[in-house]
Amino acid sequence: MRVYVAVIGFAESTKQRFLMEEDGLSTAELLGNAALAIGALVVIWGALQIAGVNIVGWIEDQVTGN
């Protein structure tokens, strides 16, 4: 009987935890995602610089028609 009561108590506490959780993203999660995105952009930019790709020059050539 004690095991049954313990299992029921555990199930009830787990149910309460799920009901109390908020849906959606918190500010910390959003800031973390933004930081990861900025980090990825910096890494990509650095890799392009090492490879010798001049993005700004390419854009200027496209705009001016050279």
C-alpha atoms as a PDB file:
ATOM      1  CA  MET A   1       0.000   0.000   0.000  1.00  0.00           C
ATOM      2  CA  ARG A   2       2.880   2.381   0.750  1.00  0.00           C
ATOM      3  CA  VAL A   3       4.316   1.820  -2.725  1.00  0.00           C
ATOM      4  CA  TYR A   4       0.941   2.604  -4.277  1.00  0.00           C
ATOM      5  CA  VAL A   5       0.670   5.847  -2.273  1.00  0.00           C
ATOM      6  CA  ALA A   6       4.236   6.803  -3.229  1.00  0.00           C
ATOM      7  CA  VAL A   7       3.584   6.194  -6.931  1.00  0.00           C
ATOM      8  CA  ILE A   8       0.338   8.179  -6.822  1.00  0.00           C
ATOM      9  CA  GLY A   9       2.109  11.008  -4.986  1.00  0.00           C
ATOM     10  CA  PHE A  10       4.934  11.037  -7.540  1.00  0.00           C
ATOM     11  CA  ALA A  11       2.463  11.069 -10.427  1.00  0.00           C
ATOM     12  CA  GLU A  12       0.526  13.938  -8.856  1.00  0.00           C
ATOM     13  CA  SER A  13       3.658  16.026  -8.246  1.00  0.00           C
ATOM     14  CA  THR A  14       4.826  15.395 -11.817  1.00  0.00           C
ATOM     15  CA  LYS A  15       1.428  16.467 -13.134  1.00  0.00           C
ATOM     16  CA  GLN A  16       1.586  19.660 -11.070  1.00  0.00           C
ATOM     17  CA  ARG A  17       5.068  20.425 -12.435  1.00  0.00           C
ATOM     18  CA  PHE A  18       3.826  20.117 -16.013  1.00  0.00           C
ATOM     19  CA  LEU A  19       0.831  22.307 -15.274  1.00  0.00           C
ATOM     20  CA  MET A  20       2.987  25.004 -13.669  1.00  0.00           C
ATOM     21  CA  GLU A  21       5.492  25.232 -16.542  1.00  0.00           C
ATOM     22  CA  GLU A  22       5.173  28.203 -18.832  1.00  0.00           C
ATOM     23  CA  ASP A  23       5.067  27.778 -22.568  1.00  0.00           C
ATOM     24  CA  GLY A  24       7.191  29.915 -24.852  1.00  0.00           C
ATOM     25  CA  LEU A  25      10.680  31.299 -24.703  1.00  0.00           C
ATOM     26  CA  SER A  26      12.149  33.209 -21.830  1.00  0.00           C
ATOM     27  CA  THR A  27      14.302  36.301 -22.231  1.00  0.00           C
ATOM     28  CA  ALA A  28      17.406  34.310 -21.353  1.00  0.00           C
ATOM     29  CA  GLU A  29      16.680  31.785 -24.093  1.00  0.00           C
ATOM     30  CA  LEU A  30      16.127  34.542 -26.639  1.00  0.00           C
ATOM     31  CA  LEU A  31      19.347  36.322 -25.651  1.00  0.00           C
ATOM     32  CA  GLY A  32      21.237  33.044 -25.842  1.00  0.00           C
ATOM     33  CA  ASN A  33      19.906  32.370 -29.332  1.00  0.00           C
ATOM     34  CA  ALA A  34      20.833  35.901 -30.422  1.00  0.00           C
ATOM     35  CA  ALA A  35      24.351  35.458 -29.043  1.00  0.00           C
ATOM     36  CA  LEU A  36      24.753  32.184 -30.935  1.00  0.00           C
ATOM     37  CA  ALA A  37      23.553  33.821 -34.161  1.00  0.00           C
ATOM     38  CA  ILE A  38      25.999  36.706 -33.769  1.00  0.00           C
ATOM     39  CA  GLY A  39      28.787  34.249 -33.024  1.00  0.00           C
ATOM     40  CA  ALA A  40      27.948  32.262 -36.157  1.00  0.00           C
ATOM     41  CA  LEU A  41      27.998  35.430 -38.277  1.00  0.00           C
ATOM     42  CA  VAL A  42      31.394  36.401 -36.891  1.00  0.00           C
ATOM     43  CA  VAL A  43      32.794  32.938 -37.630  1.00  0.00           C
ATOM     44  CA  ILE A  44      31.400  32.979 -41.180  1.00  0.00           C
ATOM     45  CA  TRP A  45      32.759  36.501 -41.775  1.00  0.00           C
ATOM     46  CA  GLY A  46      36.168  35.450 -40.449  1.00  0.00           C
ATOM     47  CA  ALA A  47      36.233  32.365 -42.669  1.00  0.00           C
ATOM     48  CA  LEU A  48      35.370  34.447 -45.717  1.00  0.00           C
ATOM     49  CA  GLN A  49      38.125  36.934 -44.860  1.00  0.00           C
ATOM     50  CA  ILE A  50      40.662  34.122 -44.549  1.00  0.00           C
ATOM     51  CA  ALA A  51      39.501  32.682 -47.877  1.00  0.00           C
ATOM     52  CA  GLY A  52      40.058  36.080 -49.474  1.00  0.00           C
ATOM     53  CA  VAL A  53      36.457  36.714 -50.422  1.00  0.00           C
ATOM     54  CA  ASN A  54      35.754  40.435 -50.511  1.00  0.00           C
ATOM     55  CA  ILE A  55      31.994  40.650 -49.995  1.00  0.00           C
ATOM     56  CA  VAL A  56      31.865  44.460 -49.884  1.00  0.00           C
ATOM     57  CA  GLY A  57      33.815  44.695 -53.153  1.00  0.00           C
ATOM     58  CA  TRP A  58      31.494  42.185 -54.798  1.00  0.00           C
ATOM     59  CA  ILE A  59      28.418  44.148 -53.679  1.00  0.00           C
ATOM     60  CA  GLU A  60      29.951  47.388 -54.985  1.00  0.00           C
ATOM     61  CA  ASP A  61      30.652  45.732 -58.322  1.00  0.00           C
ATOM     62  CA  GLN A  62      27.047  44.523 -58.534  1.00  0.00           C
ATOM     63  CA  VAL A  63      25.643  47.961 -57.727  1.00  0.00           C
ATOM     64  CA  THR A  64      27.932  49.950 -60.037  1.00  0.00           C
ATOM     65  CA  GLY A  65      27.804  47.378 -62.829  1.00  0.00           C
ATOM     66  CA  ASN A  66      31.586  46.914 -63.140  1.00  0.00           C
END
